[in-house]
């Protein structure tokens, strides 16, 4: 999936949905949806397409648009991957969407909205690190914190090397150690 959170001034554009194919209750989220067949290697293109379809904003109406999060989740045996982009709009005039109702929500109220665990954690992380340039990978872990909230683990995405350096000693760990 590709999701975008667009801001203008001190407000963020949020979509209120009455339900989905997975949930039969009202919840809030960003602008976005599933990647189409030709977009699997270009999630940013999918995000721009979803923005245009759901808000009427064109690519030139969005500035500083960049990938900030990759969210991973296992649900019903499927691995779900969501690319989350943030950007700023040059104006506030959206068109109504068939996907849900659009509202400009003050940034200090965004975390009060009923949204999924991963989306709420992503928005919280983003608001705590507004100027960060990093891409973060997040996923929900089993278990909860002291408040009973499921834990989301964040890791900063970093450049990697394709091959181990010469002289690298690989320590063999039985697969069963990872399968507990």
Protein backbone atom coordinates (compact mmCIF):
# COMPACT_ATOMS: atom_id res chain seq x y z
CA UNK A 1 0.00 0.00 0.00
CA UNK A 2 0.97 3.65 -0.39
CA UNK A 3 -0.25 6.29 2.06
CA UNK A 4 0.29 10.04 2.11
CA UNK A 5 -0.11 12.54 4.91
CA UNK A 6 -0.39 16.08 3.60
CA UNK A 7 -0.10 19.17 5.73
CA UNK A 8 -0.84 22.82 5.17
CA UNK A 9 0.30 25.21 7.86
CA UNK A 10 -0.44 23.63 11.23
CA UNK A 11 -3.12 21.25 9.88
CA UNK A 12 -2.95 17.75 8.39
CA UNK A 13 -5.39 16.41 5.81
CA UNK A 14 -7.02 13.29 7.25
CA UNK A 15 -9.64 10.96 5.83
CA UNK A 16 -12.48 9.62 7.95
CA UNK A 17 -13.74 6.29 6.67
CA UNK A 18 -17.00 4.69 7.70
CA UNK A 19 -15.44 1.24 7.32
CA UNK A 20 -13.48 -0.94 4.93
CA UNK A 21 -13.39 -4.48 3.64
CA UNK A 22 -11.60 -5.41 6.89
CA UNK A 23 -13.32 -3.21 9.51
CA UNK A 24 -16.97 -2.30 10.01
CA UNK A 25 -16.36 0.79 12.16
CA UNK A 26 -15.32 4.39 11.63
CA UNK A 27 -11.60 5.18 11.59
CA UNK A 28 -9.15 7.84 10.35
CA UNK A 29 -6.15 7.59 8.09
CA UNK A 30 -4.15 9.24 5.39
CA UNK A 31 -4.71 9.39 1.66
CA UNK A 32 -3.86 6.20 -0.18
CA UNK A 33 -4.55 2.65 -1.13
CA UNK A 34 -3.19 -0.43 -2.83
CA UNK A 35 -0.43 -0.35 -5.39
CA UNK A 36 -1.53 -1.39 -8.86
CA UNK A 37 0.35 -3.99 -10.90
CA UNK A 38 2.64 -1.52 -12.70
CA UNK A 39 3.42 0.43 -9.50
CA UNK A 40 5.06 -2.27 -7.39
CA UNK A 41 8.54 -0.79 -7.95
CA UNK A 42 7.37 2.82 -7.80
CA UNK A 43 5.25 3.33 -4.68
CA UNK A 44 5.71 7.12 -4.91
CA UNK A 45 3.88 7.08 -8.26
CA UNK A 46 1.09 5.10 -6.62
CA UNK A 47 0.92 7.63 -3.81
CA UNK A 48 0.65 10.56 -6.24
CA UNK A 49 -2.08 8.67 -8.14
CA UNK A 50 -4.02 8.06 -4.92
CA UNK A 51 -3.64 11.71 -3.88
CA UNK A 52 -5.07 12.89 -7.21
CA UNK A 53 -7.93 10.35 -7.10
CA UNK A 54 -8.90 11.01 -3.48
CA UNK A 55 -8.24 14.76 -3.10
CA UNK A 56 -7.85 16.31 -6.53
CA UNK A 57 -4.38 17.61 -5.61
CA UNK A 58 -1.95 17.33 -8.51
CA UNK A 59 1.72 16.49 -8.09
CA UNK A 60 2.63 20.16 -8.50
CA UNK A 61 0.28 21.01 -5.58
CA UNK A 62 2.47 18.96 -3.21
CA UNK A 63 5.91 20.05 -2.01
CA UNK A 64 8.65 18.36 0.04
CA UNK A 65 7.02 14.99 -0.65
CA UNK A 66 9.18 12.14 0.54
CA UNK A 67 9.11 8.62 1.85
CA UNK A 68 9.43 8.64 5.64
CA UNK A 69 8.17 5.21 6.76
CA UNK A 70 7.86 1.62 5.60
CA UNK A 71 5.40 -0.27 7.78
CA UNK A 72 5.37 -4.06 7.99
CA UNK A 73 2.67 -6.23 9.44
CA UNK A 74 1.66 -9.87 9.35
CA UNK A 75 -2.10 -10.34 9.19
CA UNK A 76 -3.86 -13.62 8.53
CA UNK A 77 -0.64 -15.17 7.25
CA UNK A 78 -0.07 -12.34 4.75
CA UNK A 79 2.77 -9.84 4.94
CA UNK A 80 1.47 -6.30 4.48
CA UNK A 81 3.85 -3.55 3.46
CA UNK A 82 2.88 0.10 3.49
CA UNK A 83 4.95 3.01 2.14
CA UNK A 84 4.13 6.22 4.02
CA UNK A 85 4.92 9.62 2.52
CA UNK A 86 4.65 13.10 4.01
CA UNK A 87 4.37 16.37 2.11
CA UNK A 88 2.94 19.86 2.19
CA UNK A 89 0.21 21.27 -0.03
CA UNK A 90 0.41 24.65 -1.71
CA UNK A 91 -3.30 25.26 -1.03
CA UNK A 92 -6.17 23.76 1.01
CA UNK A 93 -8.77 23.16 -1.71
CA UNK A 94 -9.50 19.44 -2.08
CA UNK A 95 -12.35 17.75 -3.92
CA UNK A 96 -14.72 15.37 -2.07
CA UNK A 97 -13.71 11.71 -2.16
CA UNK A 98 -15.72 8.53 -2.62
CA UNK A 99 -13.23 6.82 -0.26
CA UNK A 100 -14.21 8.83 2.83
CA UNK A 101 -14.62 12.34 4.22
CA UNK A 102 -11.63 14.69 4.14
CA UNK A 103 -10.89 17.14 6.95
CA UNK A 104 -8.04 19.49 7.83
CA UNK A 105 -7.17 18.52 11.43
CA UNK A 106 -4.87 20.60 13.68
CA UNK A 107 -1.57 18.75 14.19
CA UNK A 108 -2.03 18.78 17.96
CA UNK A 109 -5.34 16.86 17.56
CA UNK A 110 -4.24 14.21 15.02
CA UNK A 111 -3.25 11.68 17.70
CA UNK A 112 -6.71 11.93 19.29
CA UNK A 113 -8.35 10.39 16.20
CA UNK A 114 -9.32 6.70 16.11
CA UNK A 115 -6.78 5.13 13.77
CA UNK A 116 -4.88 1.86 13.51
CA UNK A 117 -2.01 1.07 15.87
CA UNK A 118 0.60 1.47 13.13
CA UNK A 119 -0.82 4.70 11.73
CA UNK A 120 -1.11 6.28 15.18
CA UNK A 121 2.45 5.18 16.03
CA UNK A 122 3.69 6.56 12.69
CA UNK A 123 2.02 9.93 13.25
CA UNK A 124 3.35 10.08 16.82
CA UNK A 125 6.89 9.28 15.61
CA UNK A 126 6.64 11.83 12.79
CA UNK A 127 5.40 14.59 15.11
CA UNK A 128 8.24 13.81 17.55
CA UNK A 129 10.85 13.97 14.75
CA UNK A 130 9.51 16.64 12.37
CA UNK A 131 12.78 17.56 10.65
CA UNK A 132 14.26 14.07 10.38
CA UNK A 133 15.49 13.04 6.94
CA UNK A 134 15.60 9.31 7.71
CA UNK A 135 13.37 6.55 6.44
CA UNK A 136 12.07 4.44 9.32
CA UNK A 137 10.85 0.85 9.25
CA UNK A 138 8.15 0.01 11.78
CA UNK A 139 6.28 -3.09 12.76
CA UNK A 140 3.95 -4.16 15.54
CA UNK A 141 5.44 -6.67 17.97
CA UNK A 142 3.65 -9.25 20.06
CA UNK A 143 3.00 -8.12 23.60
CA UNK A 144 2.18 -4.71 24.97
CA UNK A 145 3.71 -1.87 26.97
CA UNK A 146 2.75 -1.09 30.58
CA UNK A 147 -0.42 0.69 29.37
CA UNK A 148 -1.53 -2.38 27.38
CA UNK A 149 -0.73 -0.77 24.01
CA UNK A 150 0.88 -2.99 21.37
CA UNK A 151 4.53 -2.10 20.79
CA UNK A 152 5.77 -0.69 17.51
CA UNK A 153 9.48 -1.17 16.95
CA UNK A 154 11.26 1.47 14.82
CA UNK A 155 14.50 0.91 12.94
CA UNK A 156 16.29 3.50 10.84
CA UNK A 157 16.84 2.33 7.28
CA UNK A 158 20.53 2.53 6.39
CA UNK A 159 22.70 1.89 3.37
CA UNK A 160 24.01 -1.65 3.38
CA UNK A 161 26.80 -3.47 1.62
CA UNK A 162 25.94 -6.22 -0.80
CA UNK A 163 28.77 -8.53 0.19
CA UNK A 164 30.52 -9.41 3.42
CA UNK A 165 34.06 -8.08 3.76
CA UNK A 166 36.93 -10.51 3.14
CA UNK A 167 37.86 -12.37 6.28
CA UNK A 168 34.31 -12.15 7.70
CA UNK A 169 33.56 -15.10 9.96
CA UNK A 170 29.98 -16.29 9.76
CA UNK A 171 28.68 -17.70 13.02
CA UNK A 172 26.19 -20.46 12.33
CA UNK A 173 23.05 -20.31 14.46
CA UNK A 174 20.53 -23.16 14.17
CA UNK A 175 17.29 -22.09 12.50
CA UNK A 176 15.35 -23.35 15.53
CA UNK A 177 16.79 -20.40 17.56
CA UNK A 178 14.86 -18.02 15.29
CA UNK A 179 11.67 -20.04 15.15
CA UNK A 180 10.53 -19.66 18.77
